[in-house]
Amino acid sequence: MLRIGDFARLSQVSVKALRFYDEIGLLKPTSVDRTTGYRYYAPHLLTRLNQILALKDLGFSLAEITALSQTDLSDGQVRAVLVYKRAELSQRITREQAQLAQVDAWLQQLIAPTSAEESLIAVKQAPAQLMASVRATLGS
């Protein structure tokens, strides 16, 4: 059994994080001393903690990791979760690339200022709308 400090050093995770993981039910210590409150971890929990850290690095929230860890998922279910996370990350990258393009456009405007009339025009996306128009020819 490893005391929480030793387990933290081995796993390179702070003691505060281990206490928090215990508090939310993500990684429970093997035993807790009733008199001192010291937490003790078995060495096999290092593997479990490494899985948690790997999922966290992939962008999963602690709530998602807790939900995933409480169910015994098949390989197909794990694959489905990872495919979903991939799609979510891809959408976020697309949104952030659009934001980056907007920042670049603003920077370009600041570097090479245009006339006052051009800087007042803003192009925006809008949903399709029905329009009516009248066409006429004037004599002069």
Protein backbone atom coordinates (compact mmCIF):
# COMPACT_ATOMS: atom_id res chain seq x y z
CA MET A 1 0.00 0.00 0.00
CA LEU A 2 1.19 3.47 -0.86
CA ARG A 3 0.37 6.57 1.12
CA ILE A 4 -1.27 9.34 -0.87
CA GLY A 5 1.94 11.38 -1.12
CA ASP A 6 3.94 8.44 -2.46
CA PHE A 7 1.16 7.56 -4.90
CA ALA A 8 1.03 11.19 -6.05
CA ARG A 9 4.79 11.26 -6.67
CA LEU A 10 4.70 8.00 -8.61
CA SER A 11 1.78 9.10 -10.76
CA GLN A 12 2.93 12.74 -11.06
CA VAL A 13 -0.50 13.92 -9.95
CA SER A 14 -0.99 16.32 -7.07
CA VAL A 15 -2.31 15.14 -3.72
CA LYS A 16 -5.07 17.73 -4.10
CA ALA A 17 -6.16 16.12 -7.39
CA LEU A 18 -6.18 12.64 -5.82
CA ARG A 19 -8.34 13.91 -2.96
CA PHE A 20 -10.70 15.51 -5.46
CA TYR A 21 -10.89 12.30 -7.53
CA ASP A 22 -11.79 10.45 -4.33
CA GLU A 23 -14.40 13.07 -3.45
CA ILE A 24 -16.18 12.76 -6.81
CA GLY A 25 -15.90 8.97 -6.84
CA LEU A 26 -13.52 8.80 -9.79
CA LEU A 27 -10.60 7.11 -8.04
CA LYS A 28 -11.21 5.75 -4.57
CA PRO A 29 -8.25 4.79 -2.37
CA THR A 30 -7.88 1.15 -1.43
CA SER A 31 -8.27 2.01 2.23
CA VAL A 32 -8.58 4.98 4.54
CA ASP A 33 -7.24 4.97 8.08
CA ARG A 34 -10.21 5.70 10.36
CA THR A 35 -8.19 7.54 12.98
CA THR A 36 -5.87 9.65 10.84
CA GLY A 37 -7.87 9.88 7.60
CA TYR A 38 -4.79 8.92 5.58
CA ARG A 39 -5.58 7.46 2.20
CA TYR A 40 -3.72 4.39 0.98
CA TYR A 41 -3.55 3.28 -2.64
CA ALA A 42 -2.69 -0.13 -4.07
CA PRO A 43 -0.11 -0.10 -6.88
CA HIS A 44 -2.64 -1.49 -9.39
CA LEU A 45 -4.56 1.82 -9.13
CA LEU A 46 -1.72 3.48 -11.07
CA THR A 47 -3.07 1.80 -14.21
CA ARG A 48 -6.56 3.13 -13.49
CA LEU A 49 -5.19 6.63 -12.85
CA ASN A 50 -3.21 6.53 -16.12
CA GLN A 51 -6.45 5.68 -17.97
CA ILE A 52 -8.17 8.64 -16.31
CA LEU A 53 -5.31 10.97 -17.28
CA ALA A 54 -5.30 9.66 -20.87
CA LEU A 55 -9.05 10.32 -21.24
CA LYS A 56 -8.60 13.74 -19.68
CA ASP A 57 -5.86 14.53 -22.22
CA LEU A 58 -8.28 13.52 -25.01
CA GLY A 59 -10.66 16.25 -23.85
CA PHE A 60 -13.12 14.24 -21.79
CA SER A 61 -14.51 16.04 -18.74
CA LEU A 62 -14.22 14.45 -15.31
CA ALA A 63 -17.99 13.86 -15.33
CA GLU A 64 -17.71 12.00 -18.65
CA ILE A 65 -14.76 9.96 -17.34
CA THR A 66 -16.71 9.09 -14.20
CA ALA A 67 -19.69 7.93 -16.29
CA LEU A 68 -17.42 5.91 -18.58
CA SER A 69 -15.62 4.28 -15.67
CA GLN A 70 -18.81 3.24 -13.88
CA THR A 71 -20.00 1.13 -16.81
CA ASP A 72 -18.26 -1.87 -18.28
CA LEU A 73 -18.02 -0.85 -21.93
CA SER A 74 -17.34 -3.21 -24.80
CA ASP A 75 -14.72 -2.37 -27.41
CA GLY A 76 -17.49 -1.29 -29.78
CA GLN A 77 -18.96 1.08 -27.19
CA VAL A 78 -15.53 2.57 -26.47
CA ARG A 79 -15.04 3.04 -30.21
CA ALA A 80 -18.42 4.81 -30.46
CA VAL A 81 -17.52 7.16 -27.59
CA LEU A 82 -14.18 7.97 -29.21
CA VAL A 83 -15.81 8.57 -32.62
CA TYR A 84 -18.27 10.95 -30.95
CA LYS A 85 -15.43 12.79 -29.17
CA ARG A 86 -13.54 13.02 -32.47
CA ALA A 87 -16.55 14.62 -34.19
CA GLU A 88 -16.98 17.04 -31.28
CA LEU A 89 -13.31 18.07 -31.44
CA SER A 90 -13.48 18.43 -35.21
CA GLN A 91 -16.44 20.80 -34.93
CA ARG A 92 -14.61 22.84 -32.30
CA ILE A 93 -11.53 23.07 -34.54
CA THR A 94 -13.70 24.26 -37.45
CA ARG A 95 -15.30 26.96 -35.27
CA GLU A 96 -11.94 28.10 -33.95
CA GLN A 97 -10.44 28.19 -37.46
CA ALA A 98 -13.30 30.50 -38.50
CA GLN A 99 -12.57 32.70 -35.48
CA LEU A 100 -8.89 32.72 -36.41
CA ALA A 101 -9.77 33.82 -39.95
CA GLN A 102 -11.84 36.68 -38.50
CA VAL A 103 -8.94 37.78 -36.29
CA ASP A 104 -6.60 37.64 -39.29
CA ALA A 105 -9.04 39.78 -41.30
CA TRP A 106 -9.16 42.37 -38.52
CA LEU A 107 -5.38 42.38 -38.28
CA GLN A 108 -5.13 42.81 -42.03
CA GLN A 109 -7.49 45.78 -41.85
CA LEU A 110 -5.35 47.36 -39.14
CA ILE A 111 -2.16 46.83 -41.16
CA ALA A 112 -3.54 48.16 -44.45
CA PRO A 113 -6.38 50.56 -43.62
CA THR A 114 -9.04 50.93 -46.28
CA SER A 115 -11.23 53.93 -47.01
CA ALA A 116 -13.80 54.93 -44.40
CA GLU A 117 -16.68 53.70 -46.58
CA GLU A 118 -15.26 50.17 -46.92
CA SER A 119 -14.62 49.81 -43.19
CA LEU A 120 -18.33 50.42 -42.46
CA ILE A 121 -19.44 47.40 -44.48
CA ALA A 122 -19.80 44.12 -42.62
CA VAL A 123 -20.69 40.85 -44.34
CA LYS A 124 -22.85 38.59 -42.19
CA GLN A 125 -24.52 35.24 -42.73
CA ALA A 126 -28.32 35.21 -42.51
CA PRO A 127 -30.90 32.48 -43.07
CA ALA A 128 -32.72 32.42 -46.41
CA GLN A 129 -35.62 34.89 -46.66
CA LEU A 130 -38.42 35.50 -49.16
CA MET A 131 -37.99 38.78 -51.03
CA ALA A 132 -40.21 40.82 -53.33
CA SER A 133 -38.94 43.36 -55.82
CA VAL A 134 -40.25 45.71 -58.46
CA ARG A 135 -38.28 46.48 -61.60
CA ALA A 136 -38.85 49.68 -63.58
CA THR A 137 -37.08 51.61 -66.35
CA LEU A 138 -36.65 55.35 -66.03
CA GLY A 139 -36.55 57.61 -69.03
CA SER A 140 -33.33 59.44 -68.23
